[in-house]
Amino acid sequence: MERSGHLDTFARDHLPPPEAWPAFLLDHPAVRYPARFNCAAELVDGAVAAGHGQRPALWTVTDGKPSAITYLELRQRVDRLAHVLIEDMGLVPGNRVLLRGPNNPAMAVALLATIKAGLVAVPTMPLLRAVELKPVIDKAQVSAVLCDARLRDEIDACMRPGPTHCPTLAQARYFNDDGPESLETLARAKPSSFPACDTAGDDVCLIAFTSGTTGSPKGCIHFHRDVLAMCDLFPRSILQATPDDIFCGTPPLAFTFGLGGMLCFPLRAGASTVLSEKLTPASLLETIQATRATVVFTAPTFYRQMAALAPGYDISSLRHCVSAGEALPDATRQSWKQATGVEMTDGIGSTEMIHIFISSAGQDVRRGAIGKVVPGYQACIVDESMQPLPPRTVGRLAVRGPTGCKYLADDRQANAVRQGWNLTGDSFMMDEDGYLYYQARTDDMIISAGYNIAGPEVESALLQHEAVAECGVIGVADEERGQVVTAFVVPRPGFAPGDDLAKTLQEHVKRTIAPYKYPRVIRFVDALPRTETGKLKRFALRGLN
């Protein structure tokens, strides 16, 4: 590895051993990067240097009226905040910084400033509770938080004595706040220029957390070069993004799907992006109409609902409609095309790989397939022994390219990488022309409306309620959401099963963990199917549905 620009080497020290890494394919012309660079500087300063300083970078929409921050203004905001991080907060390159906020310019600036200053960004979903933040903070040894002021309650719970206290968390600063100690107030007093940290291309800049099937969070480590690689392959070859594009959509910046589509992709192309905090299918259509957006990112659930509403809006500006996060039903693809005339661009990626590595667009779309491997990546279908399977045989998807799985201090690395290939946990089939067809998840992860939800985590929340003796949680196929979280509950004596108890348990889960994880269906049973050793038979629960 190149000499690190970090003074705090925790992230590099906790990479998997080199023999457990995937093979990195760095010979594609688009990903031949210098040994040293800072990806945030490449994205922002690079756009200014390319002549885009006066062009819009970030859009917001208020009362139907768009307003923009130019690239020059964005660079100044990023640089002022970077000074605050180093000078006021006393952080040093390599320190981990937790980021919390919805999709808004302040969150985008915080992310970019963190990385430009040589710090390691640890973005988290706005809906997460303190009990879910604690394992992330503890595992990444986070020392500071940059947070939207409206989300400070859960951070307060992590900083005070109690069950969710995080010993390494020393300070928190808040944005979207006018107080004297707010990030905006501190930044206004700083110089508008900041020299980017002299980071290596293989220095860590991002730890993106994803939950495994056990609910124990996995930290996916990404280098500066990984961030540029995700920008220089899928959006360049499939979307063919240009400075005239306007991106918009729903995925949070805390997801790598959103980090790419809602921020990094447009900046790398010198384009612009619309950042919206809360969107419904109707308001997303309104946003596209108001901004004349050309590229939209969202999950199939939204496209399904927007198709019925689309005739009421002028969305003729759209040229790419990207779907990812869950399987795209063909019926949704066809209804959207019928309503808008636009062929959807399906894709599959993962937090481990940072973004989309299989996709096709326009005339290259083949019905029923997600697409072909994105140029710069390779994919094959293998059996349990890692032997390649013939065309049209269902097996495990194995992928490699310039990005890949590097878990933070986690023995699950051995399950995710074998013989240099990344195993995504998906079953696929490939045809003779190289088109890839998704079949199913190979683990018990529930994917509902684009969110990954670990069944055991929901079970743990339910079991905290006095009415629950036992429970099992699975995903059940649903036309609207892809899957719905379904809980099978054995109630304790004295608690009557029925609608009232189901509602009580649903509200309990919403208060305990992120609300989107709650079981939308609760079925009361007398007993759960178990093995002789007492393990829950999840597959048998599907027979009870």
Protein backbone atom coordinates (compact mmCIF):
# COMPACT_ATOMS: atom_id res chain seq x y z
CA MET A 1 0.00 0.00 0.00
CA GLU A 2 1.02 3.63 -0.60
CA ARG A 3 2.29 5.66 2.36
CA SER A 4 -0.76 6.78 4.33
CA GLY A 5 -1.74 10.41 4.82
CA HIS A 6 -3.40 9.47 8.11
CA LEU A 7 -1.97 10.21 11.54
CA ASP A 8 -4.60 7.97 13.13
CA THR A 9 -4.12 4.64 11.34
CA PHE A 10 -7.01 2.74 13.00
CA ALA A 11 -8.92 2.13 9.75
CA ARG A 12 -5.91 0.85 7.82
CA ASP A 13 -4.78 -1.23 10.81
CA HIS A 14 -8.17 -2.97 10.94
CA LEU A 15 -8.43 -3.93 7.27
CA PRO A 16 -8.69 -7.66 6.61
CA PRO A 17 -5.35 -9.43 6.13
CA PRO A 18 -4.17 -9.04 2.51
CA GLU A 19 -4.73 -12.73 1.75
CA ALA A 20 -8.45 -12.24 2.54
CA TRP A 21 -8.88 -9.35 0.12
CA PRO A 22 -10.65 -9.72 -3.21
CA ALA A 23 -8.61 -9.34 -6.38
CA PHE A 24 -8.72 -5.71 -7.51
CA LEU A 25 -8.90 -5.09 -11.25
CA LEU A 26 -7.26 -1.72 -11.80
CA ASP A 27 -6.31 -2.01 -15.47
CA HIS A 28 -9.44 -0.45 -16.98
CA PRO A 29 -8.46 2.95 -18.46
CA ALA A 30 -11.13 4.76 -16.42
CA VAL A 31 -9.69 3.65 -13.06
CA ARG A 32 -5.97 4.23 -13.59
CA TYR A 33 -5.48 6.76 -10.82
CA PRO A 34 -2.33 8.35 -9.42
CA ALA A 35 -0.91 6.96 -6.19
CA ARG A 36 -1.95 10.01 -4.17
CA PHE A 37 -5.13 12.06 -4.39
CA ASN A 38 -8.11 13.11 -2.28
CA CYS A 39 -11.45 12.05 -3.78
CA ALA A 40 -13.40 15.00 -2.28
CA ALA A 41 -10.95 17.43 -3.86
CA GLU A 42 -11.26 15.57 -7.17
CA LEU A 43 -15.05 15.85 -7.04
CA VAL A 44 -15.37 19.50 -5.99
CA ASP A 45 -12.11 21.31 -6.75
CA GLY A 46 -11.81 19.26 -9.92
CA ALA A 47 -15.16 20.54 -11.17
CA VAL A 48 -14.16 24.14 -10.49
CA ALA A 49 -10.83 23.62 -12.25
CA ALA A 50 -12.71 22.18 -15.23
CA GLY A 51 -14.61 25.46 -15.62
CA HIS A 52 -17.83 24.55 -13.82
CA GLY A 53 -17.42 27.07 -10.96
CA GLN A 54 -20.49 29.14 -11.88
CA ARG A 55 -22.64 26.16 -12.80
CA PRO A 56 -25.20 24.72 -10.34
CA ALA A 57 -23.95 21.87 -8.14
CA LEU A 58 -26.69 21.36 -5.54
CA TRP A 59 -30.37 22.19 -5.92
CA THR A 60 -33.08 22.47 -3.30
CA VAL A 61 -36.78 23.03 -3.96
CA THR A 62 -38.89 25.23 -1.67
CA ASP A 63 -42.58 25.76 -2.39
CA GLY A 64 -42.03 24.43 -5.90
CA LYS A 65 -39.19 26.86 -6.65
CA PRO A 66 -35.67 25.48 -7.24
CA SER A 67 -32.60 27.32 -5.96
CA ALA A 68 -28.98 26.36 -6.55
CA ILE A 69 -25.56 26.38 -4.92
CA THR A 70 -22.81 26.74 -7.51
CA TYR A 71 -19.66 24.64 -7.59
CA LEU A 72 -17.60 27.62 -6.41
CA GLU A 73 -19.96 28.20 -3.48
CA LEU A 74 -19.89 24.48 -2.66
CA ARG A 75 -16.08 24.45 -2.61
CA GLN A 76 -16.02 27.45 -0.28
CA ARG A 77 -18.53 25.82 2.11
CA VAL A 78 -16.58 22.56 2.12
CA ASP A 79 -13.28 24.33 2.75
CA ARG A 80 -14.63 26.50 5.57
CA LEU A 81 -16.07 23.45 7.31
CA ALA A 82 -12.82 21.52 6.85
CA HIS A 83 -11.08 24.28 8.81
CA VAL A 84 -13.60 23.84 11.62
CA LEU A 85 -12.98 20.10 11.75
CA ILE A 86 -9.23 20.50 12.09
CA GLU A 87 -8.91 23.77 14.01
CA ASP A 88 -11.98 23.95 16.28
CA MET A 89 -12.63 20.25 16.79
CA GLY A 90 -8.97 19.24 16.87
CA LEU A 91 -9.45 16.22 14.62
CA VAL A 92 -6.52 14.64 12.81
CA PRO A 93 -6.43 12.71 9.53
CA GLY A 94 -7.70 9.19 10.00
CA ASN A 95 -10.13 10.00 12.85
CA ARG A 96 -13.60 8.56 12.25
CA VAL A 97 -16.51 10.99 12.08
CA LEU A 98 -20.14 9.88 12.31
CA LEU A 99 -22.47 11.80 9.98
CA ARG A 100 -26.20 12.06 10.51
CA GLY A 101 -28.67 13.98 8.44
CA PRO A 102 -31.29 13.77 5.70
CA ASN A 103 -30.50 14.66 2.10
CA ASN A 104 -29.77 18.38 2.26
CA PRO A 105 -26.85 20.65 1.31
CA ALA A 106 -25.49 20.80 4.87
CA MET A 107 -25.22 16.99 5.01
CA ALA A 108 -23.50 16.94 1.61
CA VAL A 109 -21.03 19.63 2.71
CA ALA A 110 -20.31 17.73 5.94
CA LEU A 111 -19.53 14.55 4.02
CA LEU A 112 -17.25 16.27 1.54
CA ALA A 113 -15.45 18.36 4.16
CA THR A 114 -14.85 15.31 6.33
CA ILE A 115 -13.17 13.45 3.48
CA LYS A 116 -11.26 16.48 2.17
CA ALA A 117 -9.77 16.98 5.65
CA GLY A 118 -8.45 13.40 5.53
CA LEU A 119 -10.97 12.09 8.04
CA VAL A 120 -12.97 8.88 7.64
CA ALA A 121 -16.69 9.43 7.08
CA VAL A 122 -19.13 7.04 8.79
CA PRO A 123 -22.55 8.09 7.45
CA THR A 124 -25.66 6.70 9.14
CA MET A 125 -29.36 6.57 8.37
CA PRO A 126 -31.32 9.45 9.96
CA LEU A 127 -33.91 7.06 11.41
CA LEU A 128 -31.48 4.98 13.46
CA ARG A 129 -31.92 5.01 17.23
CA ALA A 130 -29.17 5.23 19.84
CA VAL A 131 -29.32 1.47 20.40
CA GLU A 132 -28.48 0.98 16.70
CA LEU A 133 -25.87 3.73 16.58
CA LYS A 134 -23.89 2.38 19.54
CA PRO A 135 -22.48 -0.76 17.83
CA VAL A 136 -21.50 1.36 14.81
CA ILE A 137 -19.76 4.00 16.94
CA ASP A 138 -18.05 1.40 19.10
CA LYS A 139 -16.86 -0.75 16.21
CA ALA A 140 -15.48 2.17 14.19
CA GLN A 141 -14.08 3.86 17.32
CA VAL A 142 -15.80 7.10 16.31
CA SER A 143 -14.62 10.17 18.19
CA ALA A 144 -16.82 12.92 16.73
CA VAL A 145 -20.26 13.44 15.24
CA LEU A 146 -21.56 15.93 12.69
CA CYS A 147 -25.34 15.86 12.95
CA ASP A 148 -28.42 17.70 11.78
CA ALA A 149 -29.70 19.60 14.81
CA ARG A 150 -33.10 17.95 14.46
CA LEU A 151 -31.56 14.53 15.14
CA ARG A 152 -29.55 15.35 18.25
CA ASP A 153 -31.69 13.37 20.74
CA GLU A 154 -30.20 10.02 19.74
CA ILE A 155 -26.66 11.46 19.83
CA ASP A 156 -27.32 12.83 23.32
CA ALA A 157 -28.31 9.30 24.36
CA CYS A 158 -24.97 8.01 23.02
CA MET A 159 -22.97 10.61 24.94
CA ARG A 160 -24.53 10.40 28.40
CA PRO A 161 -24.13 7.55 30.94
CA GLY A 162 -26.45 4.65 30.27
CA PRO A 163 -26.86 1.51 28.18
CA THR A 164 -26.22 3.34 24.88
CA HIS A 165 -23.19 5.31 26.09
CA CYS A 166 -20.28 5.29 23.61
CA PRO A 167 -16.94 5.74 25.41
CA THR A 168 -14.95 6.90 22.36
CA LEU A 169 -17.45 9.59 21.38
CA ALA A 170 -15.88 12.82 22.63
CA GLN A 171 -17.74 15.58 20.80
CA ALA A 172 -20.71 16.40 18.62
CA ARG A 173 -21.36 19.44 16.46
CA TYR A 174 -24.61 20.30 14.74
CA PHE A 175 -25.58 21.78 11.39
CA ASN A 176 -28.80 23.40 10.20
CA ASP A 177 -28.60 25.40 13.43
CA ASP A 178 -28.06 29.13 14.04
CA GLY A 179 -26.49 28.78 17.51
CA PRO A 180 -23.07 30.27 18.32
CA GLU A 181 -21.44 26.81 18.34
CA SER A 182 -23.20 25.52 15.21
CA LEU A 183 -21.11 24.34 12.31
CA GLU A 184 -22.49 27.09 10.09
CA THR A 185 -21.60 29.82 12.62
CA LEU A 186 -18.09 28.48 13.15
CA ALA A 187 -17.53 28.01 9.42
CA ARG A 188 -18.46 31.59 8.53
CA ALA A 189 -15.38 32.84 10.40
CA LYS A 190 -12.99 30.55 8.50
CA PRO A 191 -10.98 31.08 5.31
CA SER A 192 -12.69 29.98 2.10
CA SER A 193 -9.72 27.90 0.98
CA PHE A 194 -8.44 24.64 2.50
CA PRO A 195 -5.60 22.49 1.15
CA ALA A 196 -6.85 18.92 0.79
CA CYS A 197 -5.19 16.33 2.98
CA ASP A 198 -2.38 14.53 1.16
CA THR A 199 -4.08 11.14 1.15
CA ALA A 200 -3.09 8.03 -0.72
CA GLY A 201 -5.50 6.53 -3.22
CA ASP A 202 -5.69 3.50 -0.94
CA ASP A 203 -6.27 5.49 2.24
CA VAL A 204 -9.65 4.84 3.84
CA CYS A 205 -12.19 7.64 3.39
CA LEU A 206 -15.48 5.86 4.10
CA ILE A 207 -16.82 3.15 6.38
CA ALA A 208 -20.35 2.28 5.26
CA PHE A 209 -22.22 0.05 7.68
CA THR A 210 -24.67 -2.62 6.63
CA SER A 211 -26.46 -5.17 8.79
CA GLY A 212 -25.89 -8.87 8.31
CA THR A 213 -28.54 -11.50 8.84
CA THR A 214 -27.68 -11.53 12.54
CA GLY A 215 -28.28 -7.81 12.79
CA SER A 216 -24.64 -7.30 13.85
CA PRO A 217 -23.41 -4.35 11.76
CA LYS A 218 -20.66 -4.89 9.21
CA GLY A 219 -18.40 -1.96 8.42
CA CYS A 220 -17.55 -1.86 4.70
CA ILE A 221 -14.26 -0.03 4.23
CA HIS A 222 -13.72 2.02 1.08
CA PHE A 223 -10.66 3.84 -0.22
CA HIS A 224 -10.44 7.20 -1.96
CA ARG A 225 -9.92 5.29 -5.21
CA ASP A 226 -13.12 3.29 -4.60
CA VAL A 227 -15.21 6.47 -4.52
CA LEU A 228 -13.80 7.63 -7.85
CA ALA A 229 -14.13 4.16 -9.37
CA MET A 230 -17.86 4.03 -8.62
CA CYS A 231 -18.15 7.40 -10.40
CA ASP A 232 -16.05 6.47 -13.42
CA LEU A 233 -17.67 3.15 -14.38
CA PHE A 234 -21.46 2.76 -13.99
CA PRO A 235 -22.48 6.42 -14.50
CA ARG A 236 -19.96 6.93 -17.28
CA SER A 237 -20.62 3.78 -19.29
CA ILE A 238 -24.30 3.10 -18.54
CA LEU A 239 -25.77 6.53 -17.76
CA GLN A 240 -23.29 8.45 -19.93
CA ALA A 241 -23.68 11.40 -17.56
CA THR A 242 -22.82 14.90 -18.81
CA PRO A 243 -22.58 18.36 -17.19
CA ASP A 244 -26.11 19.09 -18.43
CA ASP A 245 -27.66 16.31 -16.36
CA ILE A 246 -29.73 17.02 -13.25
CA PHE A 247 -29.94 14.12 -10.81
CA CYS A 248 -32.68 13.57 -8.23
CA GLY A 249 -34.20 10.74 -6.20
CA THR A 250 -34.87 9.20 -2.85
CA PRO A 251 -31.90 7.12 -1.59
CA PRO A 252 -30.29 8.64 1.52
CA LEU A 253 -26.70 9.85 1.35
CA ALA A 254 -26.00 7.38 4.17
CA PHE A 255 -26.54 4.52 1.69
CA THR A 256 -23.78 4.09 -0.88
CA PHE A 257 -26.61 3.89 -3.44
CA GLY A 258 -27.52 7.45 -2.47
CA LEU A 259 -23.97 8.65 -1.88
CA GLY A 260 -23.21 7.79 -5.50
CA GLY A 261 -26.44 8.69 -7.24
CA MET A 262 -27.35 11.76 -5.19
CA LEU A 263 -23.90 13.31 -4.76
CA CYS A 264 -20.72 11.76 -6.17
CA PHE A 265 -21.96 10.81 -9.66
CA PRO A 266 -23.26 14.27 -10.54
CA LEU A 267 -20.22 16.05 -9.08
CA ARG A 268 -17.82 13.83 -11.01
CA ALA A 269 -19.65 14.68 -14.24
CA GLY A 270 -19.84 18.42 -13.51
CA ALA A 271 -23.62 17.98 -13.38
CA SER A 272 -26.01 18.95 -10.58
CA THR A 273 -28.19 17.17 -8.07
CA VAL A 274 -31.45 17.92 -6.28
CA LEU A 275 -31.29 17.14 -2.56
CA SER A 276 -34.71 16.56 -0.98
CA GLU A 277 -35.28 15.55 2.63
CA LYS A 278 -38.65 13.83 2.36
CA LEU A 279 -40.22 12.64 -0.84
CA THR A 280 -43.45 10.86 -1.67
CA PRO A 281 -44.20 9.46 -5.13
CA ALA A 282 -46.19 12.61 -5.89
CA SER A 283 -43.58 15.06 -4.57
CA LEU A 284 -40.80 13.25 -6.44
CA LEU A 285 -42.77 13.75 -9.66
CA GLU A 286 -43.27 17.41 -8.70
CA THR A 287 -39.52 17.74 -8.12
CA ILE A 288 -38.70 16.25 -11.52
CA GLN A 289 -41.17 18.63 -13.15
CA ALA A 290 -39.91 21.71 -11.26
CA THR A 291 -36.19 21.09 -11.84
CA ARG A 292 -36.36 19.42 -15.28
CA ALA A 293 -34.37 16.54 -13.82
CA THR A 294 -32.86 14.12 -16.33
CA VAL A 295 -31.79 11.21 -14.06
CA VAL A 296 -33.79 9.79 -11.18
CA PHE A 297 -32.73 7.17 -8.63
CA THR A 298 -35.29 5.32 -6.52
CA ALA A 299 -36.58 1.86 -5.61
CA PRO A 300 -39.19 -0.17 -7.54
CA THR A 301 -41.80 0.62 -4.87
CA PHE A 302 -41.70 4.29 -5.83
CA TYR A 303 -41.77 3.62 -9.57
CA ARG A 304 -44.79 1.36 -9.06
CA GLN A 305 -46.69 4.14 -7.30
CA MET A 306 -45.44 6.93 -9.57
CA ALA A 307 -46.56 5.13 -12.74
CA ALA A 308 -50.20 5.73 -11.89
CA LEU A 309 -49.55 9.43 -11.16
CA ALA A 310 -47.08 10.22 -13.96
CA PRO A 311 -49.66 11.33 -16.59
CA GLY A 312 -50.45 14.31 -14.37
CA TYR A 313 -46.92 15.73 -14.54
CA ASP A 314 -44.51 16.94 -17.19
CA ILE A 315 -41.51 14.67 -16.68
CA SER A 316 -40.43 14.65 -20.31
CA SER A 317 -36.95 15.81 -19.25
CA LEU A 318 -36.14 12.33 -17.87
CA ARG A 319 -33.70 10.21 -19.85
CA HIS A 320 -32.58 7.69 -17.20
CA CYS A 321 -34.70 6.14 -14.43
CA VAL A 322 -32.42 4.01 -12.27
CA SER A 323 -33.88 1.26 -10.10
CA ALA A 324 -31.90 -0.59 -7.43
CA GLY A 325 -32.16 -1.68 -3.81
CA GLU A 326 -34.54 -4.58 -4.45
CA ALA A 327 -35.65 -6.82 -7.31
CA LEU A 328 -37.45 -4.95 -10.09
CA PRO A 329 -40.64 -6.78 -11.12
CA ASP A 330 -41.19 -6.81 -14.84
CA ALA A 331 -44.74 -5.56 -14.32
CA THR A 332 -43.32 -2.41 -12.70
CA ARG A 333 -40.86 -1.91 -15.54
CA GLN A 334 -43.63 -2.23 -18.14
CA SER A 335 -46.13 0.01 -16.32
CA TRP A 336 -43.49 2.74 -15.94
CA LYS A 337 -42.52 2.49 -19.60
CA GLN A 338 -46.16 2.63 -20.66
CA ALA A 339 -46.77 5.70 -18.47
CA THR A 340 -43.61 7.64 -19.37
CA GLY A 341 -42.06 6.12 -22.49
CA VAL A 342 -38.77 5.65 -20.61
CA GLU A 343 -37.09 2.26 -20.34
CA MET A 344 -35.93 1.81 -16.76
CA THR A 345 -32.27 1.20 -15.97
CA ASP A 346 -32.14 -1.67 -13.50
CA GLY A 347 -29.02 -2.34 -11.49
CA ILE A 348 -27.58 -4.40 -8.67
CA GLY A 349 -24.84 -3.25 -6.35
CA SER A 350 -23.94 -3.68 -2.72
CA THR A 351 -22.49 -1.70 0.15
CA GLU A 352 -19.50 -4.05 0.03
CA MET A 353 -18.83 -3.22 -3.64
CA ILE A 354 -19.82 0.44 -3.02
CA HIS A 355 -22.25 0.71 -5.96
CA ILE A 356 -23.80 -0.85 -9.06
CA PHE A 357 -21.78 -3.46 -10.94
CA ILE A 358 -24.48 -5.06 -13.13
CA SER A 359 -26.81 -2.96 -15.28
CA SER A 360 -28.00 -2.20 -18.80
CA ALA A 361 -29.85 0.76 -20.25
CA GLY A 362 -31.96 1.72 -23.24
CA GLN A 363 -31.68 -0.60 -26.22
CA ASP A 364 -29.40 -2.94 -24.27
CA VAL A 365 -32.16 -3.90 -21.83
CA ARG A 366 -33.25 -7.52 -22.04
CA ARG A 367 -36.60 -8.40 -20.52
CA GLY A 368 -36.31 -10.23 -17.21
CA ALA A 369 -32.59 -9.53 -16.83
CA ILE A 370 -30.94 -6.92 -14.61
CA GLY A 371 -28.36 -6.44 -17.32
CA LYS A 372 -24.74 -7.20 -18.10
CA VAL A 373 -21.67 -6.66 -15.97
CA VAL A 374 -20.60 -3.00 -15.95
CA PRO A 375 -17.35 -2.42 -17.92
CA GLY A 376 -14.43 -2.65 -15.49
CA TYR A 377 -16.03 -5.53 -13.56
CA GLN A 378 -16.21 -9.27 -14.13
CA ALA A 379 -18.94 -11.67 -12.99
CA CYS A 380 -19.51 -15.41 -13.07
CA ILE A 381 -21.99 -17.90 -11.64
CA VAL A 382 -20.39 -20.53 -9.41
CA ASP A 383 -21.37 -23.51 -7.31
CA GLU A 384 -20.57 -24.08 -3.63
CA SER A 385 -17.03 -25.14 -4.59
CA MET A 386 -16.45 -21.94 -6.61
CA GLN A 387 -16.58 -23.87 -9.88
CA PRO A 388 -18.09 -21.94 -12.83
CA LEU A 389 -21.52 -23.11 -13.91
CA PRO A 390 -22.77 -23.35 -17.52
CA PRO A 391 -25.18 -20.78 -18.97
CA ARG A 392 -28.75 -20.78 -17.65
CA THR A 393 -27.75 -22.63 -14.47
CA VAL A 394 -28.70 -21.03 -11.15
CA GLY A 395 -25.80 -20.52 -8.77
CA ARG A 396 -23.99 -18.01 -6.61
CA LEU A 397 -23.03 -14.65 -8.07
CA ALA A 398 -19.29 -13.92 -7.87
CA VAL A 399 -17.97 -10.48 -8.86
CA ARG A 400 -14.65 -8.68 -8.98
CA GLY A 401 -13.46 -5.31 -10.21
CA PRO A 402 -11.71 -2.17 -8.97
CA THR A 403 -13.83 -2.16 -5.78
CA GLY A 404 -14.53 -4.98 -3.38
CA CYS A 405 -15.38 -6.20 0.09
CA LYS A 406 -13.08 -5.10 2.90
CA TYR A 407 -14.85 -5.54 6.24
CA LEU A 408 -13.68 -3.66 9.30
CA ALA A 409 -12.25 -6.21 11.75
CA ASP A 410 -14.85 -8.86 10.92
CA ASP A 411 -14.41 -12.61 10.52
CA ARG A 412 -17.33 -12.61 8.05
CA GLN A 413 -14.79 -11.50 5.44
CA ALA A 414 -14.13 -15.20 4.80
CA ASN A 415 -17.77 -15.68 3.77
CA ALA A 416 -17.82 -12.65 1.48
CA VAL A 417 -14.58 -13.23 -0.44
CA ARG A 418 -13.33 -16.54 -1.80
CA GLN A 419 -10.48 -17.10 -4.23
CA GLY A 420 -10.35 -13.39 -4.97
CA TRP A 421 -14.05 -13.15 -5.87
CA ASN A 422 -16.71 -11.19 -3.99
CA LEU A 423 -19.74 -13.35 -3.13
CA THR A 424 -22.73 -11.05 -2.94
CA GLY A 425 -25.15 -13.46 -1.24
CA ASP A 426 -27.39 -13.55 -4.33
CA SER A 427 -28.47 -16.41 -6.55
CA PHE A 428 -28.29 -15.58 -10.26
CA MET A 429 -28.43 -17.15 -13.70
CA MET A 430 -26.42 -15.95 -16.72
CA ASP A 431 -27.47 -16.55 -20.31
CA GLU A 432 -25.23 -17.21 -23.31
CA ASP A 433 -24.97 -13.47 -24.09
CA GLY A 434 -23.81 -12.49 -20.60
CA TYR A 435 -27.14 -11.15 -19.34
CA LEU A 436 -27.67 -11.78 -15.62
CA TYR A 437 -31.01 -12.78 -14.09
CA TYR A 438 -31.63 -12.35 -10.38
CA GLN A 439 -33.20 -15.32 -8.60
CA ALA A 440 -33.17 -14.74 -4.82
CA ARG A 441 -31.10 -13.85 -1.78
CA THR A 442 -29.02 -16.70 -0.44
CA ASP A 443 -29.35 -15.52 3.15
CA ASP A 444 -32.23 -14.45 5.35
CA MET A 445 -32.00 -10.70 4.73
CA ILE A 446 -35.37 -9.07 4.18
CA ILE A 447 -35.39 -6.44 1.44
CA SER A 448 -38.49 -4.28 1.76
CA ALA A 449 -39.05 -1.13 -0.30
CA GLY A 450 -35.31 -0.88 -0.86
CA TYR A 451 -34.33 -1.23 2.80
CA ASN A 452 -32.22 -4.12 4.11
CA ILE A 453 -33.78 -5.44 7.32
CA ALA A 454 -32.28 -8.24 9.41
CA GLY A 455 -35.00 -10.53 10.78
CA PRO A 456 -33.13 -11.34 14.03
CA GLU A 457 -32.88 -7.64 14.85
CA VAL A 458 -36.67 -7.28 14.62
CA GLU A 459 -37.04 -10.43 16.72
CA SER A 460 -34.82 -8.93 19.39
CA ALA A 461 -36.97 -5.80 19.52
CA LEU A 462 -40.19 -7.82 19.79
CA LEU A 463 -38.78 -9.98 22.57
CA GLN A 464 -38.25 -6.89 24.69
CA HIS A 465 -42.03 -6.56 25.04
CA GLU A 466 -43.64 -8.32 27.98
CA ALA A 467 -46.36 -9.83 25.81
CA VAL A 468 -43.94 -11.82 23.60
CA ALA A 469 -42.83 -15.29 24.65
CA GLU A 470 -41.21 -16.30 21.36
CA CYS A 471 -41.09 -14.90 17.86
CA GLY A 472 -39.67 -15.48 14.41
CA VAL A 473 -39.39 -12.91 11.63
CA ILE A 474 -39.13 -13.51 7.88
CA GLY A 475 -39.73 -11.64 4.65
CA VAL A 476 -42.85 -12.55 2.70
CA ALA A 477 -43.22 -11.69 -0.99
CA ASP A 478 -45.34 -8.61 -1.58
CA GLU A 479 -46.31 -7.00 -4.87
CA GLU A 480 -46.13 -3.48 -3.43
CA ARG A 481 -42.89 -3.59 -1.38
CA GLY A 482 -41.01 -6.57 -2.78
CA GLN A 483 -41.11 -8.18 0.67
CA VAL A 484 -42.87 -7.31 3.89
CA VAL A 485 -41.51 -7.96 7.37
CA THR A 486 -43.73 -10.67 8.85
CA ALA A 487 -43.53 -11.72 12.49
CA PHE A 488 -44.80 -14.97 13.98
CA VAL A 489 -45.43 -14.37 17.67
CA VAL A 490 -46.16 -16.73 20.55
CA PRO A 491 -47.87 -14.52 23.17
CA ARG A 492 -47.28 -14.94 26.88
CA PRO A 493 -50.15 -16.20 29.05
CA GLY A 494 -52.49 -13.39 29.94
CA PHE A 495 -52.10 -11.55 26.65
CA ALA A 496 -54.89 -12.08 24.13
CA PRO A 497 -53.80 -12.35 20.50
CA GLY A 498 -55.59 -10.04 18.12
CA ASP A 499 -55.48 -6.73 16.30
CA ASP A 500 -54.99 -4.65 19.45
CA LEU A 501 -51.95 -6.64 20.58
CA ALA A 502 -50.53 -6.62 17.05
CA LYS A 503 -50.78 -2.82 16.91
CA THR A 504 -49.19 -2.53 20.34
CA LEU A 505 -46.23 -4.67 19.26
CA GLN A 506 -45.81 -2.75 16.01
CA GLU A 507 -45.64 0.55 17.88
CA HIS A 508 -43.18 -0.97 20.34
CA VAL A 509 -40.82 -1.98 17.52
CA LYS A 510 -41.05 1.48 15.96
CA ARG A 511 -39.96 3.01 19.27
CA THR A 512 -37.17 0.49 19.81
CA ILE A 513 -35.41 0.41 16.44
CA ALA A 514 -35.70 2.34 13.18
CA PRO A 515 -39.42 2.62 12.35
CA TYR A 516 -39.10 1.25 8.81
CA LYS A 517 -38.08 -2.13 10.28
CA TYR A 518 -41.37 -2.79 12.07
CA PRO A 519 -43.36 -5.93 11.15
CA ARG A 520 -46.20 -4.91 8.89
CA VAL A 521 -47.78 -8.32 9.41
CA ILE A 522 -48.02 -10.10 12.77
CA ARG A 523 -49.38 -13.64 13.00
CA PHE A 524 -50.03 -15.19 16.40
CA VAL A 525 -49.16 -18.88 16.75
CA ASP A 526 -49.12 -21.43 19.58
CA ALA A 527 -45.52 -22.51 18.92
CA LEU A 528 -42.60 -21.94 16.55
CA PRO A 529 -41.06 -24.69 14.42
CA ARG A 530 -37.63 -25.60 15.80
CA THR A 531 -34.90 -28.16 15.19
CA GLU A 532 -33.96 -30.81 17.74
CA THR A 533 -31.21 -28.53 18.97
CA GLY A 534 -33.68 -25.68 19.47
CA LYS A 535 -32.82 -23.59 16.41
CA LEU A 536 -35.64 -21.75 14.69
CA LYS A 537 -36.62 -23.26 11.33
CA ARG A 538 -37.02 -20.08 9.32
CA PHE A 539 -37.89 -21.98 6.16
CA ALA A 540 -40.76 -23.66 8.04
CA LEU A 541 -42.20 -20.26 8.96
CA ARG A 542 -42.87 -19.68 5.28
CA GLY A 543 -45.10 -22.73 5.33
CA LEU A 544 -47.15 -21.15 8.11
CA ASN A 545 -47.85 -17.98 6.14
